[in-house]
Each structure stands twice: as C-alpha cells, then as structure tokens.
Protein backbone atom coordinates (compact mmCIF):
# COMPACT_ATOMS: atom_id res chain seq x y z
CA UNK A 1 150.19 9.50 73.61
CA UNK A 2 150.71 12.69 72.36
CA UNK A 3 148.71 14.66 74.81
CA UNK A 4 150.87 13.17 77.67
CA UNK A 5 154.13 14.04 75.66
CA UNK A 6 152.86 17.92 75.26
CA UNK A 7 151.84 17.74 79.03
CA UNK A 8 155.36 16.16 80.08
CA UNK A 9 157.29 18.66 77.79
CA UNK A 10 155.27 21.80 79.65
CA UNK A 11 156.19 20.28 82.78
CA UNK A 12 160.02 19.78 81.84
CA UNK A 13 160.09 23.87 81.64
CA UNK A 14 158.98 23.72 85.66
CA UNK A 15 160.59 21.26 87.24
CA UNK A 16 164.28 19.22 86.69
CA UNK A 17 164.40 16.23 84.56
CA UNK A 18 165.52 14.39 87.57
CA UNK A 19 162.71 15.00 89.90
CA UNK A 20 160.32 14.55 86.58
CA UNK A 21 159.26 10.77 86.00
CA UNK A 22 157.44 10.02 83.23
CA UNK A 23 158.27 6.92 82.20
CA UNK A 24 159.89 3.48 82.62
CA UNK A 25 159.78 0.99 85.88
CA UNK A 26 159.76 3.89 88.32
CA UNK A 27 156.35 4.89 86.92
CA UNK A 28 154.66 2.03 88.00
CA UNK A 29 155.54 2.48 91.10
CA UNK A 30 152.61 5.06 91.53
CA UNK A 31 150.11 3.23 89.51
CA UNK A 32 148.22 1.64 92.71
CA UNK A 33 146.89 2.36 96.20
CA UNK A 34 145.79 -0.52 97.64
CA UNK A 35 142.65 -1.19 96.01
CA UNK A 36 141.56 -2.26 92.93
CA UNK A 37 143.66 -2.28 89.28
CA UNK A 38 146.34 0.19 88.34
CA UNK A 39 146.09 3.98 87.87
CA UNK A 40 148.68 4.95 85.55
CA UNK A 41 149.40 8.47 85.62
CA UNK A 42 150.49 10.87 82.72
CA UNK A 43 153.45 12.21 84.87
CA UNK A 44 154.69 12.21 88.35
CA UNK A 45 156.52 15.35 89.71
CA UNK A 46 158.68 16.10 92.94
CA UNK A 47 158.72 19.74 93.78
CA UNK A 48 160.64 21.28 96.21
CA UNK A 49 158.98 25.01 95.92
CA UNK A 50 156.07 26.67 96.05
CA UNK A 51 156.56 28.34 92.59
CA UNK A 52 157.16 24.77 91.20
CA UNK A 53 153.97 24.06 92.74
CA UNK A 54 152.05 26.82 90.96
CA UNK A 55 153.55 25.91 87.27
CA UNK A 56 152.51 22.30 87.90
CA UNK A 57 148.95 23.41 88.85
CA UNK A 58 148.70 25.89 85.46
CA UNK A 59 149.62 23.31 83.27
CA UNK A 60 147.01 20.51 84.68
CA UNK A 61 144.41 23.38 84.34
CA UNK A 62 145.50 23.91 80.89
CA UNK A 63 145.24 20.61 80.08
CA UNK A 64 142.34 19.69 82.54
CA UNK A 65 143.87 16.89 83.51
CA UNK A 66 143.66 15.76 87.90
CA UNK A 67 146.24 16.62 90.20
CA UNK A 68 146.68 14.15 93.26
CA UNK A 69 149.43 14.67 95.90
CA UNK A 70 151.31 11.56 97.43
CA UNK A 71 153.32 11.65 100.50
CA UNK A 72 155.13 7.38 100.73
CA UNK A 73 155.69 4.74 98.84
CA UNK A 74 153.00 3.03 97.54
CA UNK A 75 150.13 5.01 97.11
CA UNK A 76 147.68 4.97 100.41
CA UNK A 77 144.28 3.25 100.14
CA UNK A 78 142.29 5.27 98.13
CA UNK A 79 145.33 8.20 97.13
CA UNK A 80 144.27 7.69 93.51
CA UNK A 81 141.04 7.05 92.41
CA UNK A 82 141.42 8.11 89.00
CA UNK A 83 143.31 7.60 85.70
CA UNK A 84 145.92 9.49 84.20
CA UNK A 85 146.70 12.85 85.66
CA UNK A 86 149.82 14.20 87.39
CA UNK A 87 151.26 12.68 91.01
CA UNK A 88 153.03 15.29 92.96
CA UNK A 89 154.98 13.19 95.37
CA UNK A 90 155.94 14.85 98.50
CA UNK A 91 159.22 12.76 98.93
CA UNK A 92 162.17 15.56 97.87
CA UNK A 93 160.56 18.15 99.69
CA UNK A 94 162.23 18.52 102.95
CA UNK A 95 164.76 21.23 103.11
CA UNK A 96 162.83 23.20 105.92
CA UNK A 97 162.47 21.85 108.90
CA UNK A 98 163.11 24.67 112.03
CA UNK A 99 162.31 24.56 115.75
CA UNK A 100 161.36 27.35 117.30
CA UNK A 101 162.22 26.49 120.93
CA UNK A 102 161.34 29.67 122.51
CA UNK A 103 158.01 29.58 120.69
CA UNK A 104 157.46 25.87 120.93
CA UNK A 105 156.49 25.60 116.92
CA UNK A 106 158.14 24.12 114.05
CA UNK A 107 158.39 25.36 110.82
CA UNK A 108 159.21 22.93 108.08
CA UNK A 109 158.76 22.00 104.23
CA UNK A 110 155.34 19.51 103.26
CA UNK A 111 157.64 16.52 102.52
CA UNK A 112 159.17 16.47 106.01
CA UNK A 113 158.37 12.70 107.88
CA UNK A 114 156.74 12.92 111.36
CA UNK A 115 159.17 11.06 112.95
CA UNK A 116 161.66 13.07 112.00
CA UNK A 117 160.24 15.80 113.35
CA UNK A 118 159.48 14.75 116.81
CA UNK A 119 163.21 13.36 117.17
CA UNK A 120 164.35 17.16 116.02
CA UNK A 121 161.80 18.65 118.38
CA UNK A 122 163.43 16.62 121.03
CA UNK A 123 166.63 17.92 120.76
CA UNK A 124 164.72 20.90 121.95
CA UNK A 125 163.08 19.39 125.05
CA UNK A 126 160.07 19.58 122.84
CA UNK A 127 157.81 16.69 120.93
CA UNK A 128 155.44 16.34 118.30
CA UNK A 129 152.67 13.68 119.85
CA UNK A 130 151.16 12.91 117.01
CA UNK A 131 154.49 11.44 115.00
CA UNK A 132 153.85 8.38 113.38
CA UNK A 133 156.49 5.42 114.98
CA UNK A 134 154.71 2.72 113.42
CA UNK A 135 154.65 4.30 109.93
CA UNK A 136 158.21 6.56 109.61
CA UNK A 137 157.86 7.50 106.87
CA UNK A 138 154.47 9.14 107.19
CA UNK A 139 155.24 12.76 105.91
CA UNK A 140 153.65 16.05 107.56
CA UNK A 141 151.44 16.83 104.58
CA UNK A 142 150.03 13.41 104.02
CA UNK A 143 148.85 13.61 107.72
CA UNK A 144 147.31 16.92 107.48
CA UNK A 145 145.35 15.65 104.20
CA UNK A 146 143.81 12.65 105.79
CA UNK A 147 143.88 13.48 109.15
CA UNK A 148 145.16 10.27 109.95
CA UNK A 149 145.24 8.18 113.19
CA UNK A 150 148.61 8.62 115.23
CA UNK A 151 149.53 6.28 118.24
CA UNK A 152 149.15 8.77 120.84
CA UNK A 153 145.81 10.34 119.46
CA UNK A 154 144.24 8.74 122.74
CA UNK A 155 145.92 11.35 125.06
CA UNK A 156 146.90 14.13 122.64
CA UNK A 157 144.14 14.43 119.91
CA UNK A 158 144.06 15.05 116.01
CA UNK A 159 146.55 16.34 114.01
CA UNK A 160 144.12 19.32 113.30
CA UNK A 161 145.04 20.33 116.93
CA UNK A 162 148.69 21.01 116.33
CA UNK A 163 148.36 23.08 113.01
CA UNK A 164 148.89 26.71 113.69
CA UNK A 165 149.53 27.68 109.63
CA UNK A 166 149.98 26.59 106.29
CA UNK A 167 150.96 27.96 102.94
CA UNK A 168 148.80 25.93 100.19
CA UNK A 169 147.91 26.24 96.61
CA UNK A 170 144.32 26.56 95.14
CA UNK A 171 143.86 24.43 92.04
CA UNK A 172 144.10 27.49 89.83
CA UNK A 173 147.38 27.94 91.15
CA UNK A 174 146.86 30.86 93.66
CA UNK A 175 148.90 30.72 96.59
CA UNK A 176 147.11 31.05 100.36
CA UNK A 177 148.78 32.12 103.28
CA UNK A 178 147.07 31.19 107.04
CA UNK A 179 147.48 31.22 110.34
CA UNK A 180 150.79 31.86 111.77
CA UNK A 181 153.27 30.89 115.04
CA UNK A 182 150.64 32.13 117.60
CA UNK A 183 146.95 30.65 117.57
CA UNK A 184 146.19 34.49 117.86
CA UNK A 185 147.11 34.68 114.12
CA UNK A 186 144.16 32.98 113.38
CA UNK A 187 141.36 35.94 112.63
CA UNK A 188 138.16 34.96 110.48
CA UNK A 189 137.19 32.06 109.25
CA UNK A 190 139.78 29.29 109.74
CA UNK A 191 141.02 27.91 106.24
CA UNK A 192 143.36 25.83 108.27
CA UNK A 193 140.81 23.29 109.30
CA UNK A 194 139.25 23.29 105.85
CA UNK A 195 142.85 21.73 104.44
CA UNK A 196 143.18 19.29 107.25
CA UNK A 197 141.14 15.82 106.18
CA UNK A 198 140.36 17.58 103.09
CA UNK A 199 142.19 14.60 101.27
CA UNK A 200 144.42 16.76 98.76
CA UNK A 201 141.61 17.65 96.99
CA UNK A 202 141.06 21.65 98.14
CA UNK A 203 144.33 22.96 97.60
CA UNK A 204 148.40 21.76 97.46
CA UNK A 205 150.00 22.15 100.51
CA UNK A 206 153.26 23.89 100.87
CA UNK A 207 154.65 25.06 104.42
CA UNK A 208 153.28 23.89 107.62
CA UNK A 209 153.70 25.63 111.09
CA UNK A 210 153.28 22.88 113.90
CA UNK A 211 152.54 23.79 117.69
CA UNK A 212 155.07 21.66 119.60
CA UNK A 213 154.50 20.33 123.36
CA UNK A 214 156.68 19.80 126.12
CA UNK A 215 158.68 16.09 125.65
CA UNK A 216 157.50 13.93 128.10
CA UNK A 217 159.83 13.20 131.45
CA UNK A 218 158.69 9.27 131.49
CA UNK A 219 157.17 6.61 129.65
CA UNK A 220 155.79 3.22 130.87
CA UNK A 221 154.64 0.45 128.39
CA UNK A 222 152.70 -2.58 129.46
CA UNK A 223 151.87 -5.91 127.98
CA UNK A 224 148.82 -7.70 129.62
CA UNK A 225 148.11 -10.96 128.31
CA UNK A 226 144.29 -12.07 128.94
CA UNK A 227 143.12 -15.55 129.70
CA UNK A 228 139.81 -14.61 127.69
CA UNK A 229 139.18 -12.33 125.35
CA UNK A 230 135.93 -10.86 126.86
CA UNK A 231 138.14 -10.04 129.99
CA UNK A 232 140.54 -8.02 127.63
CA UNK A 233 137.23 -6.06 126.53
CA UNK A 234 136.10 -5.22 130.32
CA UNK A 235 139.73 -4.20 130.70
CA UNK A 236 139.53 -1.64 128.35
CA UNK A 237 136.48 -0.27 129.36
CA UNK A 238 137.78 0.38 132.91
CA UNK A 239 141.23 1.86 131.84
CA UNK A 240 139.14 4.08 129.37
CA UNK A 241 137.15 5.26 131.99
CA UNK A 242 139.44 5.38 135.42
CA UNK A 243 141.67 8.54 135.29
CA UNK A 244 144.44 6.13 134.14
CA UNK A 245 144.70 8.80 131.02
CA UNK A 246 146.62 6.39 129.32
CA UNK A 247 148.48 7.72 125.83
CA UNK A 248 147.65 4.59 123.63
CA UNK A 249 146.27 1.36 124.12
CA UNK A 250 146.18 -1.63 121.57
CA UNK A 251 144.36 -5.04 121.62
CA UNK A 252 145.66 -8.18 119.77
CA UNK A 253 143.86 -11.60 119.76
CA UNK A 254 145.64 -14.84 120.10
CA UNK A 255 145.61 -15.71 116.18
CA UNK A 256 147.16 -12.16 115.64
CA UNK A 257 149.74 -12.87 118.11
CA UNK A 258 150.87 -16.12 116.49
CA UNK A 259 150.60 -14.56 112.82
CA UNK A 260 153.16 -11.70 114.04
CA UNK A 261 155.35 -14.29 115.80
CA UNK A 262 155.81 -16.46 112.68
CA UNK A 263 156.46 -13.31 110.61
CA UNK A 264 159.16 -11.85 113.28
CA UNK A 265 160.29 -13.48 116.77
CA UNK A 266 159.10 -10.46 119.38
CA UNK A 267 158.69 -12.85 122.75
CA UNK A 268 155.26 -12.18 123.30
CA UNK A 269 152.47 -14.44 124.59
CA UNK A 270 150.83 -16.88 122.13
CA UNK A 271 148.83 -18.76 124.72
CA UNK A 272 146.59 -16.16 125.64
CA UNK A 273 143.63 -15.22 124.28
CA UNK A 274 144.40 -11.54 123.83
CA UNK A 275 147.15 -8.95 125.32
CA UNK A 276 146.60 -5.22 125.65
CA UNK A 277 149.63 -2.90 125.24
CA UNK A 278 149.18 0.31 127.19
CA UNK A 279 151.52 3.27 126.85
CA UNK A 280 151.35 5.80 130.14
CA UNK A 281 153.61 9.65 129.51
CA UNK A 282 153.78 12.13 131.71
CA UNK A 283 155.80 13.70 134.89
CA UNK A 284 157.76 10.27 136.71
CA UNK A 285 155.69 10.36 140.04
CA UNK A 286 152.16 10.73 138.09
CA UNK A 287 153.29 7.64 135.73
CA UNK A 288 154.29 5.22 138.65
CA UNK A 289 150.88 6.17 140.52
CA UNK A 290 149.17 5.08 137.21
CA UNK A 291 150.98 2.48 136.72
CA UNK A 292 149.75 1.22 140.10
CA UNK A 293 146.28 1.69 139.24
CA UNK A 294 146.67 0.25 135.94
CA UNK A 295 147.66 -3.21 137.85
CA UNK A 296 144.92 -2.30 140.21
CA UNK A 297 141.85 -2.26 137.64
CA UNK A 298 143.41 -5.50 135.56
CA UNK A 299 144.29 -7.68 138.96
CA UNK A 300 140.38 -8.16 138.38
CA UNK A 301 140.21 -10.25 135.68
CA UNK A 302 142.46 -13.80 134.83
CA UNK A 303 145.16 -12.24 133.58
CA UNK A 304 148.81 -14.64 132.10
CA UNK A 305 151.09 -11.92 132.86
CA UNK A 306 151.51 -8.53 133.09
CA UNK A 307 155.08 -7.13 132.16
CA UNK A 308 156.15 -3.72 132.18
CA UNK A 309 159.29 -2.89 129.36
CA UNK A 310 162.30 -1.61 131.75
CA UNK A 311 164.40 0.12 128.62
CA UNK A 312 163.66 2.03 126.04
CA UNK A 313 164.67 -1.09 123.66
CA UNK A 314 162.27 -3.55 125.21
CA UNK A 315 159.55 -0.71 124.42
CA UNK A 316 160.10 -0.74 121.31
CA UNK A 317 159.84 -4.27 120.68
CA UNK A 318 156.53 -4.35 122.09
CA UNK A 319 155.13 -1.28 120.07
CA UNK A 320 156.83 -3.76 117.00
CA UNK A 321 153.91 -5.62 116.90
CA UNK A 322 152.09 -2.63 116.03
CA UNK A 323 154.00 -2.10 112.77
CA UNK A 324 154.48 -5.54 111.54
CA UNK A 325 150.86 -6.97 112.01
CA UNK A 326 149.46 -5.97 108.42
CA UNK A 327 152.36 -7.10 106.99
CA UNK A 328 152.01 -10.39 109.37
CA UNK A 329 148.39 -10.98 108.37
CA UNK A 330 148.81 -10.88 104.67
CA UNK A 331 151.45 -13.16 105.33
CA UNK A 332 149.21 -15.81 106.96
CA UNK A 333 146.70 -16.49 104.68
CA UNK A 334 145.74 -15.92 100.50
CA UNK A 335 142.88 -13.75 101.36
CA UNK A 336 142.21 -11.10 103.79
CA UNK A 337 139.21 -10.01 104.18
CA UNK A 338 139.34 -6.86 106.56
CA UNK A 339 137.48 -3.84 107.61
CA UNK A 340 137.17 -1.26 110.13
CA UNK A 341 134.43 -0.97 112.95
CA UNK A 342 133.88 1.56 115.36
CA UNK A 343 132.43 1.05 118.99
CA UNK A 344 131.24 2.93 121.94
CA UNK A 345 134.17 2.43 124.87
CA UNK A 346 131.25 1.30 126.87
CA UNK A 347 130.39 -1.51 124.96
CA UNK A 348 133.48 -3.06 123.74
CA UNK A 349 132.81 -6.08 125.90
CA UNK A 350 129.90 -6.72 124.79
CA UNK A 351 130.88 -6.59 120.82
CA UNK A 352 133.90 -8.62 121.75
CA UNK A 353 130.97 -11.45 123.02
CA UNK A 354 129.39 -11.38 119.97
CA UNK A 355 132.17 -11.77 117.89
CA UNK A 356 133.38 -15.04 119.65
CA UNK A 357 129.35 -16.20 119.14
CA UNK A 358 129.90 -15.25 115.42
CA UNK A 359 133.26 -16.79 115.40
CA UNK A 360 132.06 -20.56 116.73
CA UNK A 361 128.70 -20.16 114.73
CA UNK A 362 130.50 -19.78 111.20
CA UNK A 363 133.51 -22.03 112.19
CA UNK A 364 136.16 -19.75 110.27
CA UNK A 365 139.34 -17.96 110.83
CA UNK A 366 138.01 -14.76 112.16
CA UNK A 367 140.82 -12.64 114.26
CA UNK A 368 140.10 -9.32 115.54
CA UNK A 369 142.71 -6.34 116.49
CA UNK A 370 142.58 -2.64 116.69
CA UNK A 371 143.23 0.78 118.36
CA UNK A 372 140.61 0.12 121.10
CA UNK A 373 141.89 3.58 122.83
CA UNK A 374 140.39 5.38 119.87
CA UNK A 375 137.04 2.40 119.94
CA UNK A 376 138.45 1.01 116.84
CA UNK A 377 138.42 -2.74 115.65
CA UNK A 378 139.51 -4.76 112.46
CA UNK A 379 137.39 -7.80 112.25
CA UNK A 380 139.44 -9.61 109.58
CA UNK A 381 139.08 -13.17 108.28
CA UNK A 382 142.34 -15.07 106.79
CA UNK A 383 140.72 -17.85 104.27
CA UNK A 384 141.47 -19.51 101.74
CA UNK A 385 138.55 -19.16 99.66
CA UNK A 386 138.68 -22.28 98.19
CA UNK A 387 138.58 -23.95 101.34
CA UNK A 388 135.48 -21.91 102.95
CA UNK A 389 131.75 -20.93 101.65
CA UNK A 390 132.01 -17.31 100.72
CA UNK A 391 128.18 -16.89 101.50
CA UNK A 392 129.27 -17.71 104.96
CA UNK A 393 132.09 -15.64 104.99
CA UNK A 394 129.68 -12.67 103.92
CA UNK A 395 126.90 -13.57 106.45
CA UNK A 396 129.53 -13.39 109.48
CA UNK A 397 130.86 -10.09 108.75
CA UNK A 398 127.29 -8.75 107.88
CA UNK A 399 126.12 -10.17 111.52
CA UNK A 400 129.20 -8.68 113.07
CA UNK A 401 128.52 -5.26 111.58
CA UNK A 402 124.68 -5.47 112.71
CA UNK A 403 125.48 -6.09 116.02
CA UNK A 404 127.94 -2.64 116.44
CA UNK A 405 125.27 -1.12 114.61
CA UNK A 406 122.68 -2.17 117.47
CA UNK A 407 126.12 -1.46 119.75
CA UNK A 408 125.39 2.12 119.08
CA UNK A 409 129.00 1.51 116.03
CA UNK A 410 129.59 2.24 112.84
CA UNK A 411 131.34 0.40 110.19
CA UNK A 412 134.56 2.71 109.33
CA UNK A 413 135.25 1.65 105.75
CA UNK A 414 138.30 1.87 104.59
CA UNK A 415 139.54 5.20 102.20
CA UNK A 416 139.95 2.22 99.56
CA UNK A 417 136.27 1.48 99.40
CA UNK A 418 135.50 5.02 98.89
CA UNK A 419 137.07 5.19 95.60
CA UNK A 420 135.61 1.88 94.52
CA UNK A 421 132.63 0.06 95.81
CA UNK A 422 130.46 2.76 97.43
CA UNK A 423 128.72 6.02 96.87
CA UNK A 424 130.94 8.73 98.27
CA UNK A 425 127.68 10.54 100.29
CA UNK A 426 127.08 6.81 102.32
CA UNK A 427 130.49 7.70 104.00
CA UNK A 428 129.49 10.99 105.88
CA UNK A 429 127.63 11.04 109.14
CA UNK A 430 126.30 14.56 108.63
CA UNK A 431 124.35 13.67 105.39
CA UNK A 432 123.01 17.31 105.43
CA UNK A 433 126.46 18.96 105.09
CA UNK A 434 127.84 17.52 101.63
CA UNK A 435 125.55 20.21 99.79
CA UNK A 436 128.08 22.47 101.49
CA UNK A 437 130.92 20.75 100.96
CA UNK A 438 130.28 20.63 97.30
CA UNK A 439 129.97 23.87 97.74
CA UNK A 440 133.38 24.96 98.58
CA UNK A 441 135.04 22.27 96.90
CA UNK A 442 133.53 24.29 93.53
CA UNK A 443 134.77 27.44 95.12
CA UNK A 444 138.22 26.10 95.50
CA UNK A 445 138.34 23.88 92.54
CA UNK A 446 135.96 24.69 90.23
CA UNK A 447 137.24 21.90 87.66
CA UNK A 448 137.63 19.48 89.88
CA UNK A 449 141.27 18.61 89.28
CA UNK A 450 142.33 18.30 92.85
CA UNK A 451 142.35 14.60 93.81
CA UNK A 452 138.36 14.20 92.37
CA UNK A 453 136.64 10.96 93.26
CA UNK A 454 137.95 11.14 96.75
CA UNK A 455 135.27 12.54 98.70
CA UNK A 456 132.58 12.80 95.98
CA UNK A 457 131.38 11.08 92.75
CA UNK A 458 132.84 13.03 89.83
CA UNK A 459 131.77 13.18 85.90
CA UNK A 460 134.04 16.31 85.21
CA UNK A 461 137.28 14.89 84.45
CA UNK A 462 138.12 13.17 81.19
CA UNK A 463 141.39 11.35 81.22
CA UNK A 464 142.12 9.66 78.12
C-alpha cells in the first residue's frame, strides 16, 4: 500500500485529480478484462496531452510498474494481463477531431470514437470505412493497437491501410512523430505499421492521422434465409468469388437467430436453418447491378426469403443482430464455450458439413455464427455443465478444430487466452519471426513496462 501511495502522489503532480482514479468502486471497473480473475491497477490515469503521457511513463520507469492502455469499458479480452501498474484510459482525450477536406485526411486525439470520426467525415462527403458500428464506443487508438476486425474490412481492408501518421511515446518517455498527411511523408522504415497491431506493447499513441475516402453514394443490405446450413455455406463461397465484392457478409445459424430474437424482437426469420446479412455499397448503378447478381447467386439454393432493406432504419435493424449476438448468447445459457476458427473461403461449405455431423453425433447445443466475409467463424456451445458430459463437449470442440485444420484453416485464439492458457509463441504463424519481434520490444521497451505479457511471456516485472 505504501508503494501505491508513493506512485499516486507522483501522478498527482502530473494529472489533475478529476482524471486520476486510485481508490473506490470506480477502480474496480478497470480490474478485469473478460478473461479469468481480476487484475487491480495501482492507479488509472485519463491523460489529455502528450506531456501528461510522458510524465506518467517517467513515473512508471522510476517504480518499474507496467503501463496498460485502455479504450472503453470494460477492458477488452486480454487488455490487462498483469496485476498492478498504471492504466492509461483514453476516454477523456477526445478534444481534437479535424477534417482536412481537400486532402481527405483526419487529424485526431487518440480517444476519438471511430463512429464519431466517420460521422464527422460524412459531413464533408467523406468516410472512414472501418468505423465500428456494432461497437460504436471503439476508440481510434484502441483500433490501431489491436488492428481489430471492422465490419467493412472485407471490401476496404485493415486499419493499418488508413493510418497516415502517428505520434507516440516510447516506454522511456521519448516522443516519436512518424508519417504525415501524404503517404509520401513516410520515408525509411515504416514505424507506423510497427505500432499497428502492437497491442500497446511498443508505445503509447498520442496523435493520429487517418486517410479518408469518398462516402459511398448508395448502400443496400440483404437478409437471405436458407432452408439448409450447407446451402448457406455454398452461397458464401459463390458470393466471395463471383465479383459481387460485398462490403461485408455475416452468417447466423437458426439457434443464434432464435437467441437474439428472445433478447430483442428484430423480426428476423427464426424458422430457417441460417441467414446471411450482405451489404453492398458504391455508385447507385453499380449497386443495383450487384443486387441482381446476388439474387441470381442465391436463387441456386433453397431459400425461404430474400429481403432488402429499403430505408436506413431497416438497414440499422438488420445489423442490430450483429451488435447484440454476444449478449444474446450469454443470456441464453449459464456457460458459453466459444472460440474462433478461420477457414479458406473455398472450404466454408465443407466446414459447415463437418459442423452438422459433429453436432448430431454428440447431441449438444452447438451453434455457429461469424464474420464469414473474412472467413472467420465462432463455433459456440451453450450449456449448463451439470446437464452435459464435459468430456463430450471437449471432444466435439476438438473434432471441429481438427476438421478446420484438415481444411486448411486454423484456430484463431481469442485474446484472453493469449494472456492465460497458452504459450504466446504458439499464437504466431511465423514462429521464426518471434526472435525479431522480441528484439524490437527490447529496444523500444527495455524494462518490459508496456502491457507486459500481452505478446510474449514475461518474468521481468514484479508488481507487488
């Protein structure tokens, strides 16, 4: 406790007390990350300037305590992998959001919400296509650190494709400015993409420059209901290879739709084996032509209905399903055993076939939903453990993972497990690059202060 008091007293000299949390119920909001157990920080700082971040990191270096960045409540899976330390909360740092219309660039504070960024860009006829409508409280720094999935990623690419410039502070308190309003401003080594996806382990972002694109002139959202899950898998494969170039595709099996309808009445078809949500955008004439192509491709299968949102309100209602699916599944069962698998698009139908065989063989409530546009599925078992044989559940999951591997896919382990269950090295597909990743980490953060344990096992920090 004496150590914590000393740390807090020094932080009080850097940041105002209304943006410094070190006791009481509010501190408990930062004590978990969606994995196992609680991880209490020494203090939570809500900086609003680069200078404050520099000061915070100097305190962390003096006391050799870790620093964990945080975007929203609650901390995301694996966001905090250690006990103790200082949490940097971006929620108050939203003062700058400037749109440079002529250059199609946005300059902003790290705490700006991606949805707010897109809405501000829309006022100028521009768009940030990777806004997170289904998680409208995602902050730009958080998105950069995690290189997170965005709903429109299928068509528009990853977060790193839109970051033109960054200012960040290293663990030692040095300010680094890299990039600029033009891609030509990046000379030499690309430090921007070193920070993108770094999970907050290499530096603390303090300023962001983002590339914007023209706002799409038209959008269309489909809801396609299939009589058979396997037909939905085949349709996905065709839509991904037919030249439709959809903005996004999401798939939900019947049990998932039923669970969401029980949570919130959305008017979705609950009697069909699966539904696809498909979004198109672009020039109106192009979108209309693609609408006909989607209809043609889906007509090959037994579909219950194909409906198109005719108003913005209807379109929002369709995508509401994506927003509430996790909450609905949590509500539907006392225990939710879930993981992520990725699969080549040409084998999605075969994976669905294996899923149905395993589900029938073990007679357990095995459901399936996912971001099929990016070839990612979430096999989930909803159970009351006292009612099912745990060994059967484990065997069913293992068989699905083996089937995925056979089809050229892989287990995409949730972030929480990276900090709890499995050795970090096993999470990297390019294992021969781990040594060089660690070398970079040692150079930028020699004391392993920034989110230690988030990417690699750590033994260097003593937190008590």
